Amino acid sequence: MHEFGLCQSILTAVEGKAAGRRVTGVRIRIGTLHRVFDEAFDQAFSLMSEGTVADGAEVDLVVVPVQATCRACGEVTVSQDQVVVCPQCGATELDRQGGDELILESLVLEGPPAESEVTA
């Protein structure tokens, strides 16, 4: 499960941003090309965050699709899968955007006087 590797990187960033404060929520923007399954990611994050500032934190996973623009006909396709052929004309010369993101978008921190959200 590559989710564990992704979670390790994210937890390193979370701990740096939290500066010792307890984290109750984490929002992660992740591209569909990472092929992450929500349940597997949640489980990996839960296991890896045990004993850290993010122990028990709720994870909000925002999956970003890939966008492909055909160089031949200009067709724009948005997909949850890798696009290798233009669905309109069959051409294989495509310009791809997005789908490969891995961004720690925000944290919800517990702390006085009330919970606060930090944009990462």
PDB file of N, CA and C in Angstrom:
ATOM      1  N   MET A   1       0.847  -1.187   0.000  1.00  0.00           N
ATOM      2  CA  MET A   1       0.000   0.000   0.000  1.00  0.00           C
ATOM      3  C   MET A   1       0.890   1.247   0.000  1.00  0.00           C
ATOM      4  N   HIS A   2       0.885   1.993  -1.090  1.00  0.00           N
ATOM      5  CA  HIS A   2       1.699   3.202  -1.160  1.00  0.00           C
ATOM      6  C   HIS A   2       1.114   4.333  -0.325  1.00  0.00           C
ATOM      7  N   GLU A   3      -0.097   4.133   0.182  1.00  0.00           N
ATOM      8  CA  GLU A   3      -0.710   5.142   1.045  1.00  0.00           C
ATOM      9  C   GLU A   3       0.151   5.425   2.274  1.00  0.00           C
ATOM     10  N   PHE A   4       0.862   4.415   2.769  1.00  0.00           N
ATOM     11  CA  PHE A   4       1.706   4.610   3.948  1.00  0.00           C
ATOM     12  C   PHE A   4       2.836   5.602   3.648  1.00  0.00           C
ATOM     13  N   GLY A   5       3.438   5.489   2.483  1.00  0.00           N
ATOM     14  CA  GLY A   5       4.495   6.426   2.104  1.00  0.00           C
ATOM     15  C   GLY A   5       3.983   7.849   1.980  1.00  0.00           C
ATOM     16  N   LEU A   6       2.807   7.995   1.380  1.00  0.00           N
ATOM     17  CA  LEU A   6       2.202   9.318   1.247  1.00  0.00           C
ATOM     18  C   LEU A   6       1.881   9.897   2.621  1.00  0.00           C
ATOM     19  N   CYS A   7       1.326   9.053   3.494  1.00  0.00           N
ATOM     20  CA  CYS A   7       0.963   9.507   4.840  1.00  0.00           C
ATOM     21  C   CYS A   7       2.190   9.937   5.631  1.00  0.00           C
ATOM     22  N   GLN A   8       3.295   9.241   5.460  1.00  0.00           N
ATOM     23  CA  GLN A   8       4.514   9.625   6.177  1.00  0.00           C
ATOM     24  C   GLN A   8       4.952  11.025   5.775  1.00  0.00           C
ATOM     25  N   SER A   9       4.924  11.319   4.489  1.00  0.00           N
ATOM     26  CA  SER A   9       5.297  12.655   4.011  1.00  0.00           C
ATOM     27  C   SER A   9       4.342  13.713   4.546  1.00  0.00           C
ATOM     28  N   ILE A  10       3.071  13.404   4.526  1.00  0.00           N
ATOM     29  CA  ILE A  10       2.065  14.357   5.003  1.00  0.00           C
ATOM     30  C   ILE A  10       2.215  14.587   6.505  1.00  0.00           C
ATOM     31  N   LEU A  11       2.432  13.522   7.270  1.00  0.00           N
ATOM     32  CA  LEU A  11       2.597  13.671   8.715  1.00  0.00           C
ATOM     33  C   LEU A  11       3.821  14.511   9.072  1.00  0.00           C
ATOM     34  N   THR A  12       4.878  14.398   8.312  1.00  0.00           N
ATOM     35  CA  THR A  12       6.056  15.228   8.542  1.00  0.00           C
ATOM     36  C   THR A  12       5.692  16.701   8.382  1.00  0.00           C
ATOM     37  N   ALA A  13       4.936  17.010   7.328  1.00  0.00           N
ATOM     38  CA  ALA A  13       4.503  18.389   7.097  1.00  0.00           C
ATOM     39  C   ALA A  13       3.526  18.853   8.180  1.00  0.00           C
ATOM     40  N   VAL A  14       2.603  17.978   8.575  1.00  0.00           N
ATOM     41  CA  VAL A  14       1.624  18.311   9.617  1.00  0.00           C
ATOM     42  C   VAL A  14       2.342  18.665  10.917  1.00  0.00           C
ATOM     43  N   GLU A  15       3.288  17.831  11.318  1.00  0.00           N
ATOM     44  CA  GLU A  15       4.001  18.073  12.572  1.00  0.00           C
ATOM     45  C   GLU A  15       4.782  19.383  12.529  1.00  0.00           C
ATOM     46  N   GLY A  16       5.345  19.706  11.383  1.00  0.00           N
ATOM     47  CA  GLY A  16       6.067  20.970  11.241  1.00  0.00           C
ATOM     48  C   GLY A  16       5.152  22.174  11.356  1.00  0.00           C
ATOM     49  N   LYS A  17       4.005  22.110  10.722  1.00  0.00           N
ATOM     50  CA  LYS A  17       3.049  23.227  10.748  1.00  0.00           C
ATOM     51  C   LYS A  17       2.350  23.355  12.099  1.00  0.00           C
ATOM     52  N   ALA A  18       2.108  22.241  12.761  1.00  0.00           N
ATOM     53  CA  ALA A  18       1.367  22.259  14.029  1.00  0.00           C
ATOM     54  C   ALA A  18       2.203  22.830  15.165  1.00  0.00           C
ATOM     55  N   ALA A  19       3.501  22.764  15.062  1.00  0.00           N
ATOM     56  CA  ALA A  19       4.410  23.310  16.080  1.00  0.00           C
ATOM     57  C   ALA A  19       4.032  22.845  17.486  1.00  0.00           C
ATOM     58  N   GLY A  20       3.740  21.543  17.609  1.00  0.00           N
ATOM     59  CA  GLY A  20       3.450  20.970  18.918  1.00  0.00           C
ATOM     60  C   GLY A  20       1.998  21.024  19.352  1.00  0.00           C
ATOM     61  N   ARG A  21       1.157  21.773  18.630  1.00  0.00           N
ATOM     62  CA  ARG A  21      -0.270  21.836  18.978  1.00  0.00           C
ATOM     63  C   ARG A  21      -0.998  20.612  18.440  1.00  0.00           C
ATOM     64  N   ARG A  22      -2.044  20.205  19.131  1.00  0.00           N
ATOM     65  CA  ARG A  22      -2.829  19.051  18.717  1.00  0.00           C
ATOM     66  C   ARG A  22      -3.609  19.378  17.455  1.00  0.00           C
ATOM     67  N   VAL A  23      -3.598  18.437  16.514  1.00  0.00           N
ATOM     68  CA  VAL A  23      -4.294  18.580  15.231  1.00  0.00           C
ATOM     69  C   VAL A  23      -5.557  17.722  15.276  1.00  0.00           C
ATOM     70  N   THR A  24      -6.702  18.345  15.012  1.00  0.00           N
ATOM     71  CA  THR A  24      -7.965  17.595  15.025  1.00  0.00           C
ATOM     72  C   THR A  24      -8.510  17.348  13.623  1.00  0.00           C
ATOM     73  N   GLY A  25      -7.971  18.047  12.645  1.00  0.00           N
ATOM     74  CA  GLY A  25      -8.427  17.857  11.270  1.00  0.00           C
ATOM     75  C   GLY A  25      -7.331  18.191  10.271  1.00  0.00           C
ATOM     76  N   VAL A  26      -7.318  17.448   9.176  1.00  0.00           N
ATOM     77  CA  VAL A  26      -6.325  17.635   8.119  1.00  0.00           C
ATOM     78  C   VAL A  26      -7.050  17.582   6.781  1.00  0.00           C
ATOM     79  N   ARG A  27      -6.819  18.582   5.930  1.00  0.00           N
ATOM     80  CA  ARG A  27      -7.374  18.551   4.569  1.00  0.00           C
ATOM     81  C   ARG A  27      -6.220  18.397   3.597  1.00  0.00           C
ATOM     82  N   ILE A  28      -6.339  17.374   2.746  1.00  0.00           N
ATOM     83  CA  ILE A  28      -5.285  17.045   1.785  1.00  0.00           C
ATOM     84  C   ILE A  28      -5.880  17.052   0.385  1.00  0.00           C
ATOM     85  N   ARG A  29      -5.215  17.760  -0.519  1.00  0.00           N
ATOM     86  CA  ARG A  29      -5.608  17.781  -1.930  1.00  0.00           C
ATOM     87  C   ARG A  29      -4.671  16.814  -2.638  1.00  0.00           C
ATOM     88  N   ILE A  30      -5.251  15.776  -3.231  1.00  0.00           N
ATOM     89  CA  ILE A  30      -4.436  14.735  -3.863  1.00  0.00           C
ATOM     90  C   ILE A  30      -4.960  14.420  -5.261  1.00  0.00           C
ATOM     91  N   GLY A  31      -4.047  14.338  -6.201  1.00  0.00           N
ATOM     92  CA  GLY A  31      -4.414  14.050  -7.585  1.00  0.00           C
ATOM     93  C   GLY A  31      -4.830  12.604  -7.772  1.00  0.00           C
ATOM     94  N   THR A  32      -5.768  12.414  -8.661  1.00  0.00           N
ATOM     95  CA  THR A  32      -6.303  11.084  -8.945  1.00  0.00           C
ATOM     96  C   THR A  32      -5.243  10.122  -9.473  1.00  0.00           C
ATOM     97  N   LEU A  33      -4.164  10.666 -10.051  1.00  0.00           N
ATOM     98  CA  LEU A  33      -3.121   9.809 -10.599  1.00  0.00           C
ATOM     99  C   LEU A  33      -2.308   9.101  -9.512  1.00  0.00           C
ATOM    100  N   HIS A  34      -2.454   9.524  -8.272  1.00  0.00           N
ATOM    101  CA  HIS A  34      -1.801   8.829  -7.156  1.00  0.00           C
ATOM    102  C   HIS A  34      -2.507   7.510  -6.839  1.00  0.00           C
ATOM    103  N   ARG A  35      -3.712   7.338  -7.375  1.00  0.00           N
ATOM    104  CA  ARG A  35      -4.471   6.093  -7.190  1.00  0.00           C
ATOM    105  C   ARG A  35      -4.664   5.736  -5.716  1.00  0.00           C
ATOM    106  N   VAL A  36      -5.101   6.719  -4.942  1.00  0.00           N
ATOM    107  CA  VAL A  36      -5.328   6.525  -3.513  1.00  0.00           C
ATOM    108  C   VAL A  36      -6.794   6.169  -3.286  1.00  0.00           C
ATOM    109  N   PHE A  37      -7.006   5.183  -2.438  1.00  0.00           N
ATOM    110  CA  PHE A  37      -8.356   4.798  -2.045  1.00  0.00           C
ATOM    111  C   PHE A  37      -8.641   5.428  -0.685  1.00  0.00           C
ATOM    112  N   ASP A  38      -9.784   6.103  -0.578  1.00  0.00           N
ATOM    113  CA  ASP A  38     -10.137   6.822   0.649  1.00  0.00           C
ATOM    114  C   ASP A  38      -9.981   5.970   1.900  1.00  0.00           C
ATOM    115  N   GLU A  39     -10.568   4.793   1.893  1.00  0.00           N
ATOM    116  CA  GLU A  39     -10.538   3.944   3.087  1.00  0.00           C
ATOM    117  C   GLU A  39      -9.120   3.512   3.432  1.00  0.00           C
ATOM    118  N   ALA A  40      -8.335   3.148   2.436  1.00  0.00           N
ATOM    119  CA  ALA A  40      -6.959   2.730   2.672  1.00  0.00           C
ATOM    120  C   ALA A  40      -6.133   3.902   3.195  1.00  0.00           C
ATOM    121  N   PHE A  41      -6.364   5.093   2.646  1.00  0.00           N
ATOM    122  CA  PHE A  41      -5.634   6.272   3.101  1.00  0.00           C
ATOM    123  C   PHE A  41      -6.002   6.607   4.539  1.00  0.00           C
ATOM    124  N   ASP A  42      -7.293   6.596   4.850  1.00  0.00           N
ATOM    125  CA  ASP A  42      -7.747   6.877   6.219  1.00  0.00           C
ATOM    126  C   ASP A  42      -7.126   5.899   7.214  1.00  0.00           C
ATOM    127  N   GLN A  43      -7.107   4.634   6.849  1.00  0.00           N
ATOM    128  CA  GLN A  43      -6.545   3.617   7.729  1.00  0.00           C
ATOM    129  C   GLN A  43      -5.037   3.840   7.909  1.00  0.00           C
ATOM    130  N   ALA A  44      -4.338   4.102   6.826  1.00  0.00           N
ATOM    131  CA  ALA A  44      -2.892   4.338   6.902  1.00  0.00           C
ATOM    132  C   ALA A  44      -2.593   5.573   7.742  1.00  0.00           C
ATOM    133  N   PHE A  45      -3.361   6.630   7.543  1.00  0.00           N
ATOM    134  CA  PHE A  45      -3.140   7.864   8.307  1.00  0.00           C
ATOM    135  C   PHE A  45      -3.402   7.627   9.789  1.00  0.00           C
ATOM    136  N   SER A  46      -4.469   6.915  10.082  1.00  0.00           N
ATOM    137  CA  SER A  46      -4.804   6.611  11.472  1.00  0.00           C
ATOM    138  C   SER A  46      -3.686   5.822  12.154  1.00  0.00           C
ATOM    139  N   LEU A  47      -3.186   4.800  11.485  1.00  0.00           N
ATOM    140  CA  LEU A  47      -2.112   3.981  12.049  1.00  0.00           C
ATOM    141  C   LEU A  47      -0.815   4.769  12.211  1.00  0.00           C
ATOM    142  N   MET A  48      -0.461   5.543  11.202  1.00  0.00           N
ATOM    143  CA  MET A  48       0.809   6.259  11.238  1.00  0.00           C
ATOM    144  C   MET A  48       0.782   7.468  12.164  1.00  0.00           C
ATOM    145  N   SER A  49      -0.397   8.009  12.432  1.00  0.00           N
ATOM    146  CA  SER A  49      -0.473   9.204  13.274  1.00  0.00           C
ATOM    147  C   SER A  49      -0.583   8.879  14.762  1.00  0.00           C
ATOM    148  N   GLU A  50      -0.720   7.590  15.106  1.00  0.00           N
ATOM    149  CA  GLU A  50      -0.810   7.215  16.515  1.00  0.00           C
ATOM    150  C   GLU A  50       0.401   7.740  17.271  1.00  0.00           C
ATOM    151  N   GLY A  51       0.116   8.425  18.386  1.00  0.00           N
ATOM    152  CA  GLY A  51       1.186   8.960  19.216  1.00  0.00           C
ATOM    153  C   GLY A  51       1.782  10.268  18.725  1.00  0.00           C
ATOM    154  N   THR A  52       1.236  10.831  17.648  1.00  0.00           N
ATOM    155  CA  THR A  52       1.723  12.114  17.128  1.00  0.00           C
ATOM    156  C   THR A  52       0.704  13.204  17.454  1.00  0.00           C
ATOM    157  N   VAL A  53       1.001  14.438  17.064  1.00  0.00           N
ATOM    158  CA  VAL A  53       0.070  15.549  17.285  1.00  0.00           C
ATOM    159  C   VAL A  53      -1.226  15.362  16.493  1.00  0.00           C
ATOM    160  N   ALA A  54      -1.201  14.489  15.489  1.00  0.00           N
ATOM    161  CA  ALA A  54      -2.375  14.259  14.644  1.00  0.00           C
ATOM    162  C   ALA A  54      -3.134  12.984  15.015  1.00  0.00           C
ATOM    163  N   ASP A  55      -2.816  12.399  16.158  1.00  0.00           N
ATOM    164  CA  ASP A  55      -3.492  11.182  16.607  1.00  0.00           C
ATOM    165  C   ASP A  55      -4.993  11.444  16.721  1.00  0.00           C
ATOM    166  N   GLY A  56      -5.789  10.697  15.969  1.00  0.00           N
ATOM    167  CA  GLY A  56      -7.246  10.844  15.996  1.00  0.00           C
ATOM    168  C   GLY A  56      -7.795  11.939  15.104  1.00  0.00           C
ATOM    169  N   ALA A  57      -6.950  12.618  14.352  1.00  0.00           N
ATOM    170  CA  ALA A  57      -7.404  13.710  13.484  1.00  0.00           C
ATOM    171  C   ALA A  57      -8.298  13.186  12.363  1.00  0.00           C
ATOM    172  N   GLU A  58      -9.293  13.980  12.025  1.00  0.00           N
ATOM    173  CA  GLU A  58     -10.180  13.656  10.906  1.00  0.00           C
ATOM    174  C   GLU A  58      -9.500  14.082   9.610  1.00  0.00           C
ATOM    175  N   VAL A  59      -9.529  13.210   8.617  1.00  0.00           N
ATOM    176  CA  VAL A  59      -8.882  13.484   7.333  1.00  0.00           C
ATOM    177  C   VAL A  59      -9.943  13.788   6.283  1.00  0.00           C
ATOM    178  N   ASP A  60      -9.772  14.927   5.619  1.00  0.00           N
ATOM    179  CA  ASP A  60     -10.633  15.310   4.506  1.00  0.00           C
ATOM    180  C   ASP A  60      -9.778  15.224   3.253  1.00  0.00           C
ATOM    181  N   LEU A  61     -10.042  14.219   2.438  1.00  0.00           N
ATOM    182  CA  LEU A  61      -9.275  13.968   1.227  1.00  0.00           C
ATOM    183  C   LEU A  61     -10.025  14.546   0.028  1.00  0.00           C
ATOM    184  N   VAL A  62      -9.420  15.531  -0.629  1.00  0.00           N
ATOM    185  CA  VAL A  62     -10.018  16.157  -1.812  1.00  0.00           C
ATOM    186  C   VAL A  62      -9.274  15.615  -3.032  1.00  0.00           C
ATOM    187  N   VAL A  63      -9.958  14.829  -3.849  1.00  0.00           N
ATOM    188  CA  VAL A  63      -9.330  14.198  -5.012  1.00  0.00           C
ATOM    189  C   VAL A  63      -9.485  15.108  -6.234  1.00  0.00           C
ATOM    190  N   VAL A  64      -8.348  15.396  -6.875  1.00  0.00           N
ATOM    191  CA  VAL A  64      -8.316  16.298  -8.021  1.00  0.00           C
ATOM    192  C   VAL A  64      -8.176  15.473  -9.302  1.00  0.00           C
ATOM    193  N   PRO A  65      -9.084  15.671 -10.268  1.00  0.00           N
ATOM    194  CA  PRO A  65      -8.997  14.909 -11.521  1.00  0.00           C
ATOM    195  C   PRO A  65      -7.879  15.431 -12.423  1.00  0.00           C
ATOM    196  N   VAL A  66      -7.558  14.646 -13.432  1.00  0.00           N
ATOM    197  CA  VAL A  66      -6.603  15.061 -14.460  1.00  0.00           C
ATOM    198  C   VAL A  66      -7.393  15.692 -15.604  1.00  0.00           C
ATOM    199  N   GLN A  67      -6.801  16.698 -16.230  1.00  0.00           N
ATOM    200  CA  GLN A  67      -7.426  17.333 -17.390  1.00  0.00           C
ATOM    201  C   GLN A  67      -6.492  17.164 -18.579  1.00  0.00           C
ATOM    202  N   ALA A  68      -7.019  16.686 -19.683  1.00  0.00           N
ATOM    203  CA  ALA A  68      -6.211  16.485 -20.890  1.00  0.00           C
ATOM    204  C   ALA A  68      -6.820  17.288 -22.040  1.00  0.00           C
ATOM    205  N   THR A  69      -5.949  17.997 -22.750  1.00  0.00           N
ATOM    206  CA  THR A  69      -6.374  18.770 -23.916  1.00  0.00           C
ATOM    207  C   THR A  69      -5.693  18.174 -25.144  1.00  0.00           C
ATOM    208  N   CYS A  70      -6.505  17.808 -26.118  1.00  0.00           N
ATOM    209  CA  CYS A  70      -5.987  17.208 -27.347  1.00  0.00           C
ATOM    210  C   CYS A  70      -5.342  18.286 -28.215  1.00  0.00           C
ATOM    211  N   ARG A  71      -4.110  18.017 -28.643  1.00  0.00           N
ATOM    212  CA  ARG A  71      -3.409  18.965 -29.515  1.00  0.00           C
ATOM    213  C   ARG A  71      -3.996  18.984 -30.919  1.00  0.00           C
ATOM    214  N   ALA A  72      -4.634  17.884 -31.332  1.00  0.00           N
ATOM    215  CA  ALA A  72      -5.175  17.785 -32.691  1.00  0.00           C
ATOM    216  C   ALA A  72      -6.521  18.494 -32.842  1.00  0.00           C
ATOM    217  N   CYS A  73      -7.452  18.217 -31.926  1.00  0.00           N
ATOM    218  CA  CYS A  73      -8.798  18.769 -32.107  1.00  0.00           C
ATOM    219  C   CYS A  73      -9.221  19.763 -31.020  1.00  0.00           C
ATOM    220  N   GLY A  74      -8.420  19.869 -29.954  1.00  0.00           N
ATOM    221  CA  GLY A  74      -8.744  20.824 -28.895  1.00  0.00           C
ATOM    222  C   GLY A  74      -9.719  20.317 -27.849  1.00  0.00           C
ATOM    223  N   GLU A  75     -10.165  19.078 -27.976  1.00  0.00           N
ATOM    224  CA  GLU A  75     -11.093  18.493 -27.010  1.00  0.00           C
ATOM    225  C   GLU A  75     -10.460  18.496 -25.610  1.00  0.00           C
ATOM    226  N   VAL A  76     -11.232  18.940 -24.614  1.00  0.00           N
ATOM    227  CA  VAL A  76     -10.772  18.943 -23.231  1.00  0.00           C
ATOM    228  C   VAL A  76     -11.525  17.849 -22.485  1.00  0.00           C
ATOM    229  N   THR A  77     -10.770  16.951 -21.849  1.00  0.00           N
ATOM    230  CA  THR A  77     -11.351  15.836 -21.117  1.00  0.00           C
ATOM    231  C   THR A  77     -10.915  15.915 -19.663  1.00  0.00           C
ATOM    232  N   VAL A  78     -11.869  15.822 -18.754  1.00  0.00           N
ATOM    233  CA  VAL A  78     -11.579  15.776 -17.320  1.00  0.00           C
ATOM    234  C   VAL A  78     -11.926  14.366 -16.860  1.00  0.00           C
ATOM    235  N   SER A  79     -10.969  13.725 -16.179  1.00  0.00           N
ATOM    236  CA  SER A  79     -11.160  12.317 -15.850  1.00  0.00           C
ATOM    237  C   SER A  79     -10.531  11.949 -14.512  1.00  0.00           C
ATOM    238  N   GLN A  80     -11.047  10.895 -13.919  1.00  0.00           N
ATOM    239  CA  GLN A  80     -10.462  10.322 -12.714  1.00  0.00           C
ATOM    240  C   GLN A  80      -9.388   9.289 -13.076  1.00  0.00           C
ATOM    241  N   ASP A  81      -9.178   9.053 -14.365  1.00  0.00           N
ATOM    242  CA  ASP A  81      -8.183   8.102 -14.849  1.00  0.00           C
ATOM    243  C   ASP A  81      -7.194   8.810 -15.778  1.00  0.00           C
ATOM    244  N   GLN A  82      -6.063   8.171 -16.000  1.00  0.00           N
ATOM    245  CA  GLN A  82      -5.086   8.683 -16.951  1.00  0.00           C
ATOM    246  C   GLN A  82      -5.723   8.694 -18.340  1.00  0.00           C
ATOM    247  N   VAL A  83      -5.591   9.794 -19.050  1.00  0.00           N
ATOM    248  CA  VAL A  83      -6.141   9.903 -20.405  1.00  0.00           C
ATOM    249  C   VAL A  83      -4.975   9.766 -21.374  1.00  0.00           C
ATOM    250  N   VAL A  84      -5.010   8.724 -22.212  1.00  0.00           N
ATOM    251  CA  VAL A  84      -3.917   8.497 -23.156  1.00  0.00           C
ATOM    252  C   VAL A  84      -4.343   8.684 -24.611  1.00  0.00           C
ATOM    253  N   VAL A  85      -5.646   8.679 -24.845  1.00  0.00           N
ATOM    254  CA  VAL A  85      -6.182   8.849 -26.195  1.00  0.00           C
ATOM    255  C   VAL A  85      -7.347   9.822 -26.133  1.00  0.00           C
ATOM    256  N   CYS A  86      -7.390  10.743 -27.078  1.00  0.00           N
ATOM    257  CA  CYS A  86      -8.501  11.689 -27.138  1.00  0.00           C
ATOM    258  C   CYS A  86      -9.793  10.934 -27.431  1.00  0.00           C
ATOM    259  N   PRO A  87     -10.806  11.079 -26.595  1.00  0.00           N
ATOM    260  CA  PRO A  87     -12.062  10.373 -26.836  1.00  0.00           C
ATOM    261  C   PRO A  87     -12.823  10.909 -28.054  1.00  0.00           C
ATOM    262  N   GLN A  88     -12.476  12.108 -28.504  1.00  0.00           N
ATOM    263  CA  GLN A  88     -13.147  12.723 -29.642  1.00  0.00           C
ATOM    264  C   GLN A  88     -12.566  12.262 -30.978  1.00  0.00           C
ATOM    265  N   CYS A  89     -11.212  12.338 -31.106  1.00  0.00           N
ATOM    266  CA  CYS A  89     -10.608  12.056 -32.412  1.00  0.00           C
ATOM    267  C   CYS A  89      -9.615  10.891 -32.409  1.00  0.00           C
ATOM    268  N   GLY A  90      -9.275  10.375 -31.244  1.00  0.00           N
ATOM    269  CA  GLY A  90      -8.366   9.234 -31.165  1.00  0.00           C
ATOM    270  C   GLY A  90      -6.884   9.590 -31.155  1.00  0.00           C
ATOM    271  N   ALA A  91      -6.558  10.879 -31.205  1.00  0.00           N
ATOM    272  CA  ALA A  91      -5.149  11.296 -31.196  1.00  0.00           C
ATOM    273  C   ALA A  91      -4.512  10.981 -29.842  1.00  0.00           C
ATOM    274  N   THR A  92      -3.190  10.807 -29.861  1.00  0.00           N
ATOM    275  CA  THR A  92      -2.482  10.483 -28.619  1.00  0.00           C
ATOM    276  C   THR A  92      -1.610  11.640 -28.114  1.00  0.00           C
ATOM    277  N   GLU A  93      -1.561  12.728 -28.840  1.00  0.00           N
ATOM    278  CA  GLU A  93      -0.787  13.885 -28.396  1.00  0.00           C
ATOM    279  C   GLU A  93      -1.688  14.781 -27.550  1.00  0.00           C
ATOM    280  N   LEU A  94      -1.527  14.619 -26.227  1.00  0.00           N
ATOM    281  CA  LEU A  94      -2.370  15.330 -25.277  1.00  0.00           C
ATOM    282  C   LEU A  94      -1.513  16.140 -24.313  1.00  0.00           C
ATOM    283  N   ASP A  95      -2.000  17.302 -23.941  1.00  0.00           N
ATOM    284  CA  ASP A  95      -1.380  18.094 -22.889  1.00  0.00           C
ATOM    285  C   ASP A  95      -2.184  17.832 -21.623  1.00  0.00           C
ATOM    286  N   ARG A  96      -1.492  17.351 -20.586  1.00  0.00           N
ATOM    287  CA  ARG A  96      -2.171  17.006 -19.332  1.00  0.00           C
ATOM    288  C   ARG A  96      -1.880  18.040 -18.267  1.00  0.00           C
ATOM    289  N   GLN A  97      -2.897  18.296 -17.454  1.00  0.00           N
ATOM    290  CA  GLN A  97      -2.759  19.207 -16.324  1.00  0.00           C
ATOM    291  C   GLN A  97      -3.415  18.579 -15.111  1.00  0.00           C
ATOM    292  N   GLY A  98      -2.781  18.753 -13.965  1.00  0.00           N
ATOM    293  CA  GLY A  98      -3.367  18.281 -12.717  1.00  0.00           C
ATOM    294  C   GLY A  98      -3.376  16.776 -12.600  1.00  0.00           C
ATOM    295  N   GLY A  99      -3.960  16.336 -11.497  1.00  0.00           N
ATOM    296  CA  GLY A  99      -4.080  14.917 -11.247  1.00  0.00           C
ATOM    297  C   GLY A  99      -2.911  14.316 -10.498  1.00  0.00           C
ATOM    298  N   ASP A 100      -1.814  15.097 -10.349  1.00  0.00           N
ATOM    299  CA  ASP A 100      -0.635  14.577  -9.659  1.00  0.00           C
ATOM    300  C   ASP A 100      -0.306  15.350  -8.380  1.00  0.00           C
ATOM    301  N   GLU A 101      -1.239  16.187  -7.936  1.00  0.00           N
ATOM    302  CA  GLU A 101      -1.023  17.008  -6.748  1.00  0.00           C
ATOM    303  C   GLU A 101      -0.910  16.166  -5.478  1.00  0.00           C
ATOM    304  N   LEU A 102      -0.182  16.680  -4.521  1.00  0.00           N
ATOM    305  CA  LEU A 102      -0.165  16.166  -3.157  1.00  0.00           C
ATOM    306  C   LEU A 102       0.109  17.375  -2.278  1.00  0.00           C
ATOM    307  N   ILE A 103      -0.970  17.979  -1.767  1.00  0.00           N
ATOM    308  CA  ILE A 103      -0.874  19.248  -1.060  1.00  0.00           C
ATOM    309  C   ILE A 103      -1.553  19.149   0.300  1.00  0.00           C
ATOM    310  N   LEU A 104      -0.828  19.508   1.324  1.00  0.00           N
ATOM    311  CA  LEU A 104      -1.415  19.661   2.648  1.00  0.00           C
ATOM    312  C   LEU A 104      -2.094  21.015   2.623  1.00  0.00           C
ATOM    313  N   GLU A 105      -3.412  21.006   2.491  1.00  0.00           N
ATOM    314  CA  GLU A 105      -4.156  22.239   2.263  1.00  0.00           C
ATOM    315  C   GLU A 105      -4.433  23.011   3.546  1.00  0.00           C
ATOM    316  N   SER A 106      -4.857  22.321   4.598  1.00  0.00           N
ATOM    317  CA  SER A 106      -5.141  23.023   5.849  1.00  0.00           C
ATOM    318  C   SER A 106      -5.156  22.059   7.024  1.00  0.00           C
ATOM    319  N   LEU A 107      -5.022  22.648   8.214  1.00  0.00           N
ATOM    320  CA  LEU A 107      -5.082  21.910   9.468  1.00  0.00           C
ATOM    321  C   LEU A 107      -6.102  22.575  10.377  1.00  0.00           C
ATOM    322  N   VAL A 108      -6.755  21.766  11.195  1.00  0.00           N
ATOM    323  CA  VAL A 108      -7.581  22.301  12.266  1.00  0.00           C
ATOM    324  C   VAL A 108      -6.826  21.984  13.542  1.00  0.00           C
ATOM    325  N   LEU A 109      -6.463  23.051  14.254  1.00  0.00           N
ATOM    326  CA  LEU A 109      -5.651  22.911  15.455  1.00  0.00           C
ATOM    327  C   LEU A 109      -6.500  23.146  16.699  1.00  0.00           C
ATOM    328  N   GLU A 110      -6.193  22.376  17.735  1.00  0.00           N
ATOM    329  CA  GLU A 110      -6.852  22.574  19.016  1.00  0.00           C
ATOM    330  C   GLU A 110      -5.955  23.495  19.822  1.00  0.00           C
ATOM    331  N   GLY A 111      -6.532  24.492  20.414  1.00  0.00           N
ATOM    332  CA  GLY A 111      -5.712  25.392  21.214  1.00  0.00           C
ATOM    333  C   GLY A 111      -6.520  26.546  21.735  1.00  0.00           C
ATOM    334  N   PRO A 112      -6.000  27.231  22.728  1.00  0.00           N
ATOM    335  CA  PRO A 112      -6.733  28.332  23.346  1.00  0.00           C
ATOM    336  C   PRO A 112      -6.889  29.491  22.381  1.00  0.00           C
ATOM    337  N   PRO A 113      -7.963  30.247  22.423  1.00  0.00           N
ATOM    338  CA  PRO A 113      -9.143  29.970  23.222  1.00  0.00           C
ATOM    339  C   PRO A 113     -10.133  29.057  22.527  1.00  0.00           C
ATOM    340  N   ALA A 114     -10.038  28.953  21.211  1.00  0.00           N
ATOM    341  CA  ALA A 114     -10.961  28.092  20.446  1.00  0.00           C
ATOM    342  C   ALA A 114     -10.163  27.414  19.360  1.00  0.00           C
ATOM    343  N   GLU A 115     -10.770  26.418  18.735  1.00  0.00           N
ATOM    344  CA  GLU A 115     -10.081  25.748  17.635  1.00  0.00           C
ATOM    345  C   GLU A 115      -9.849  26.731  16.502  1.00  0.00           C
ATOM    346  N   SER A 116      -8.739  26.575  15.847  1.00  0.00           N
ATOM    347  CA  SER A 116      -8.419  27.463  14.736  1.00  0.00           C
ATOM    348  C   SER A 116      -7.978  26.645  13.540  1.00  0.00           C
ATOM    349  N   GLU A 117      -8.172  27.224  12.366  1.00  0.00           N
ATOM    350  CA  GLU A 117      -7.760  26.539  11.138  1.00  0.00           C
ATOM    351  C   GLU A 117      -6.559  27.264  10.567  1.00  0.00           C
ATOM    352  N   VAL A 118      -5.577  26.485  10.153  1.00  0.00           N
ATOM    353  CA  VAL A 118      -4.350  27.015   9.587  1.00  0.00           C
ATOM    354  C   VAL A 118      -4.252  26.540   8.158  1.00  0.00           C
ATOM    355  N   THR A 119      -4.058  27.475   7.251  1.00  0.00           N
ATOM    356  CA  THR A 119      -3.815  27.102   5.862  1.00  0.00           C
ATOM    357  C   THR A 119      -2.354  26.728   5.750  1.00  0.00           C
ATOM    358  N   ALA A 120      -2.125  25.529   5.227  1.00  0.00           N
ATOM    359  CA  ALA A 120      -0.750  25.006   5.194  1.00  0.00           C
ATOM    360  C   ALA A 120       0.058  25.523   4.056  1.00  0.00           C
TER     361      ALA A 120
END
